[in-house]
C-alpha atoms as a PDB file:
ATOM      1  CA  MET A   1     -24.391   2.891  -3.997  1.00  0.00           C
ATOM      2  CA  LYS A   2     -21.358   2.904  -6.283  1.00  0.00           C
ATOM      3  CA  VAL A   3     -17.906   2.340  -4.839  1.00  0.00           C
ATOM      4  CA  VAL A   4     -14.699   3.288  -6.601  1.00  0.00           C
ATOM      5  CA  ILE A   5     -11.443   1.942  -5.192  1.00  0.00           C
ATOM      6  CA  ILE A   6      -8.268   3.861  -5.925  1.00  0.00           C
ATOM      7  CA  ARG A   7      -5.018   2.533  -4.577  1.00  0.00           C
ATOM      8  CA  HIS A   8      -2.787   5.588  -5.046  1.00  0.00           C
ATOM      9  CA  ALA A   9      -0.865   7.354  -7.763  1.00  0.00           C
ATOM     10  CA  GLU A  10       2.511   6.145  -8.988  1.00  0.00           C
ATOM     11  CA  VAL A  11       5.123   6.484  -6.247  1.00  0.00           C
ATOM     12  CA  ASP A  12       8.271   8.455  -7.066  1.00  0.00           C
ATOM     13  CA  PHE A  13      10.737   5.822  -5.882  1.00  0.00           C
ATOM     14  CA  SER A  14      13.454   3.699  -7.470  1.00  0.00           C
ATOM     15  CA  TRP A  15      13.980   0.246  -6.015  1.00  0.00           C
ATOM     16  CA  SER A  16      17.403  -1.419  -6.000  1.00  0.00           C
ATOM     17  CA  SER A  17      17.487  -4.433  -8.295  1.00  0.00           C
ATOM     18  CA  ARG A  18      19.388  -6.526  -5.709  1.00  0.00           C
ATOM     19  CA  CYS A  19      19.612  -6.096  -1.948  1.00  0.00           C
ATOM     20  CA  THR A  20      20.172  -7.814   1.371  1.00  0.00           C
ATOM     21  CA  SER A  21      17.211  -8.402   3.662  1.00  0.00           C
ATOM     22  CA  GLU A  22      18.151  -5.347   5.735  1.00  0.00           C
ATOM     23  CA  GLU A  23      18.399  -3.176   2.598  1.00  0.00           C
ATOM     24  CA  PHE A  24      15.040  -4.469   1.334  1.00  0.00           C
ATOM     25  CA  ASP A  25      13.348  -3.685   4.665  1.00  0.00           C
ATOM     26  CA  LYS A  26      14.838  -0.177   4.579  1.00  0.00           C
ATOM     27  CA  GLU A  27      13.641   0.401   1.015  1.00  0.00           C
ATOM     28  CA  CYS A  28      10.132  -0.790   1.945  1.00  0.00           C
ATOM     29  CA  ARG A  29      10.009   1.835   4.718  1.00  0.00           C
ATOM     30  CA  GLU A  30      11.362   4.522   2.360  1.00  0.00           C
ATOM     31  CA  TYR A  31       8.801   3.571  -0.310  1.00  0.00           C
ATOM     32  CA  ASP A  32       5.992   4.025   2.232  1.00  0.00           C
ATOM     33  CA  MET A  33       7.184   7.588   2.898  1.00  0.00           C
ATOM     34  CA  ALA A  34       8.009   8.532  -0.721  1.00  0.00           C
ATOM     35  CA  PRO A  35       5.912  11.139  -2.584  1.00  0.00           C
ATOM     36  CA  ILE A  36       3.765  10.390  -5.610  1.00  0.00           C
ATOM     37  CA  LYS A  37       4.796  11.427  -9.111  1.00  0.00           C
ATOM     38  CA  ASP A  38       3.501  14.751 -10.309  1.00  0.00           C
ATOM     39  CA  ALA A  39       0.659  14.178 -12.774  1.00  0.00           C
ATOM     40  CA  ASP A  40      -3.040  14.775 -13.301  1.00  0.00           C
ATOM     41  CA  TYR A  41      -5.281  11.948 -12.147  1.00  0.00           C
ATOM     42  CA  GLU A  42      -8.838  11.148 -13.143  1.00  0.00           C
ATOM     43  CA  ILE A  43     -11.596   8.872 -11.893  1.00  0.00           C
ATOM     44  CA  PRO A  44     -15.011   7.909 -13.330  1.00  0.00           C
ATOM     45  CA  GLY A  45     -17.553  10.727 -13.333  1.00  0.00           C
ATOM     46  CA  PHE A  46     -19.983   9.904 -10.541  1.00  0.00           C
ATOM     47  CA  GLU A  47     -21.422  12.006  -7.749  1.00  0.00           C
ATOM     48  CA  TYR A  48     -19.255  11.220  -4.733  1.00  0.00           C
ATOM     49  CA  ARG A  49     -20.574  11.578  -1.187  1.00  0.00           C
ATOM     50  CA  SER A  50     -17.225  10.798   0.384  1.00  0.00           C
ATOM     51  CA  ILE A  51     -13.808   9.413  -0.465  1.00  0.00           C
ATOM     52  CA  TYR A  52     -12.157   6.921   1.870  1.00  0.00           C
ATOM     53  CA  ILE A  53      -8.376   6.975   1.976  1.00  0.00           C
ATOM     54  CA  SER A  54      -5.749   5.028   3.896  1.00  0.00           C
ATOM     55  CA  THR A  55      -3.488   6.667   6.452  1.00  0.00           C
ATOM     56  CA  LEU A  56      -0.534   6.660   4.034  1.00  0.00           C
ATOM     57  CA  SER A  57       0.369  10.154   2.839  1.00  0.00           C
ATOM     58  CA  ARG A  58       0.399   9.002  -0.794  1.00  0.00           C
ATOM     59  CA  SER A  59      -3.312   8.156  -0.531  1.00  0.00           C
ATOM     60  CA  ARG A  60      -4.173  11.651   0.698  1.00  0.00           C
ATOM     61  CA  ASP A  61      -1.885  13.251  -1.919  1.00  0.00           C
ATOM     62  CA  THR A  62      -3.576  11.240  -4.680  1.00  0.00           C
ATOM     63  CA  ALA A  63      -7.084  12.085  -3.453  1.00  0.00           C
ATOM     64  CA  ASN A  64      -6.217  15.779  -3.248  1.00  0.00           C
ATOM     65  CA  ARG A  65      -5.261  15.750  -6.946  1.00  0.00           C
ATOM     66  CA  LEU A  66      -8.569  14.257  -8.057  1.00  0.00           C
ATOM     67  CA  PRO A  67     -11.093  16.594  -9.678  1.00  0.00           C
ATOM     68  CA  VAL A  68     -13.760  15.705  -7.091  1.00  0.00           C
ATOM     69  CA  GLU A  69     -15.428  17.772  -4.376  1.00  0.00           C
ATOM     70  CA  ALA A  70     -16.110  15.273  -1.597  1.00  0.00           C
ATOM     71  CA  PRO A  71     -14.932  14.962   1.993  1.00  0.00           C
ATOM     72  CA  LEU A  72     -11.954  12.695   2.626  1.00  0.00           C
ATOM     73  CA  LYS A  73     -12.381  10.074   5.333  1.00  0.00           C
ATOM     74  CA  GLU A  74      -9.129   8.554   6.522  1.00  0.00           C
ATOM     75  CA  THR A  75      -9.091   5.027   7.929  1.00  0.00           C
ATOM     76  CA  GLY A  76      -6.403   2.492   8.716  1.00  0.00           C
ATOM     77  CA  LEU A  77      -8.824  -0.282   7.756  1.00  0.00           C
ATOM     78  CA  ILE A  78      -7.790   0.103   4.106  1.00  0.00           C
ATOM     79  CA  ASN A  79      -4.055   0.564   4.636  1.00  0.00           C
ATOM     80  CA  GLU A  80      -1.770  -1.494   2.460  1.00  0.00           C
ATOM     81  CA  VAL A  81      -0.065  -4.343   4.260  1.00  0.00           C
ATOM     82  CA  PRO A  82       3.553  -3.346   4.906  1.00  0.00           C
ATOM     83  CA  LEU A  83       6.025  -5.764   3.367  1.00  0.00           C
ATOM     84  CA  LYS A  84       9.160  -7.116   5.020  1.00  0.00           C
ATOM     85  CA  SER A  85      11.871  -9.482   3.841  1.00  0.00           C
ATOM     86  CA  GLY A  86      11.026 -13.176   4.192  1.00  0.00           C
ATOM     87  CA  PHE A  87      14.170 -13.981   6.176  1.00  0.00           C
ATOM     88  CA  ASP A  88      17.483 -12.453   7.200  1.00  0.00           C
ATOM     89  CA  SER A  89      20.276 -12.584   4.630  1.00  0.00           C
ATOM     90  CA  LYS A  90      23.504 -10.686   4.067  1.00  0.00           C
ATOM     91  CA  LYS A  91      23.506 -11.930   0.467  1.00  0.00           C
ATOM     92  CA  LYS A  92      22.152  -9.513  -2.162  1.00  0.00           C
ATOM     93  CA  LEU A  93      19.166 -11.174  -3.785  1.00  0.00           C
ATOM     94  CA  PRO A  94      16.908  -9.909  -6.613  1.00  0.00           C
ATOM     95  CA  LEU A  95      14.046  -7.571  -5.780  1.00  0.00           C
ATOM     96  CA  TRP A  96      11.494 -10.014  -7.277  1.00  0.00           C
ATOM     97  CA  PHE A  97      12.690 -12.686  -4.828  1.00  0.00           C
ATOM     98  CA  TRP A  98      12.079 -10.477  -1.787  1.00  0.00           C
ATOM     99  CA  ASN A  99       8.658  -9.430  -3.084  1.00  0.00           C
ATOM    100  CA  ILE A 100       7.538 -12.999  -3.746  1.00  0.00           C
ATOM    101  CA  THR A 101       8.798 -14.481  -0.474  1.00  0.00           C
ATOM    102  CA  GLY A 102       7.266 -11.653   1.552  1.00  0.00           C
ATOM    103  CA  ARG A 103       3.893 -12.004  -0.188  1.00  0.00           C
ATOM    104  CA  LEU A 104       3.936 -15.788   0.226  1.00  0.00           C
ATOM    105  CA  GLN A 105       4.511 -15.267   3.943  1.00  0.00           C
ATOM    106  CA  TRP A 106       1.486 -12.937   3.959  1.00  0.00           C
ATOM    107  CA  VAL A 107      -0.650 -15.620   2.249  1.00  0.00           C
ATOM    108  CA  PHE A 108       0.422 -18.247   4.784  1.00  0.00           C
ATOM    109  CA  ASN A 109       0.108 -15.859   7.766  1.00  0.00           C
ATOM    110  CA  ALA A 110       3.804 -16.014   8.739  1.00  0.00           C
ATOM    111  CA  SER A 111       4.584 -14.087  11.913  1.00  0.00           C
ATOM    112  CA  ARG A 112       7.551 -12.334  10.282  1.00  0.00           C
ATOM    113  CA  GLN A 113       5.156 -10.141   8.301  1.00  0.00           C
ATOM    114  CA  ALA A 114       3.319  -7.316  10.062  1.00  0.00           C
ATOM    115  CA  GLU A 115      -0.017  -8.839   9.052  1.00  0.00           C
ATOM    116  CA  GLY A 116      -1.186 -12.078   7.488  1.00  0.00           C
ATOM    117  CA  SER A 117      -3.969 -12.668   4.982  1.00  0.00           C
ATOM    118  CA  ARG A 118      -6.398 -13.653   7.767  1.00  0.00           C
ATOM    119  CA  GLN A 119      -5.898 -10.315   9.494  1.00  0.00           C
ATOM    120  CA  THR A 120      -6.277  -8.466   6.192  1.00  0.00           C
ATOM    121  CA  ARG A 121      -9.618 -10.183   5.557  1.00  0.00           C
ATOM    122  CA  VAL A 122     -10.841  -9.146   9.022  1.00  0.00           C
ATOM    123  CA  ARG A 123      -9.862  -5.515   8.330  1.00  0.00           C
ATOM    124  CA  ALA A 124     -11.581  -5.607   4.937  1.00  0.00           C
ATOM    125  CA  ALA A 125     -14.755  -7.014   6.494  1.00  0.00           C
ATOM    126  CA  LYS A 126     -14.767  -4.255   9.141  1.00  0.00           C
ATOM    127  CA  PHE A 127     -14.432  -1.643   6.432  1.00  0.00           C
ATOM    128  CA  ALA A 128     -17.200  -3.215   4.336  1.00  0.00           C
ATOM    129  CA  GLU A 129     -19.531  -3.154   7.371  1.00  0.00           C
ATOM    130  CA  ARG A 130     -19.329   0.651   7.337  1.00  0.00           C
END
């Protein structure tokens, strides 16, 4: 069996270059609801029995633009991990800072993030068992 993993198409969203923790959290939520950019998308030419997508609308929108006739199977097991600021701050800090601190918290399983790397591995294993 061949498996092709497609994250999603490019999201039509512009991030602020500097923001407070509250602004960063708001932009993360807005990014998760933003549409994908209008374009044609291609994937390798195999015979597909099914396409698994996450529950995010951008995953479904991307899959619907692919030139493939296969049923879509939606599952939360492959959802992206939502990102949140690493700590509360009223000071505007660079976007890269918020991204790095949030991802480091994910790696170290900090409770501030919605999910840690351990939980992500469990989800991935459940999906792979399918």
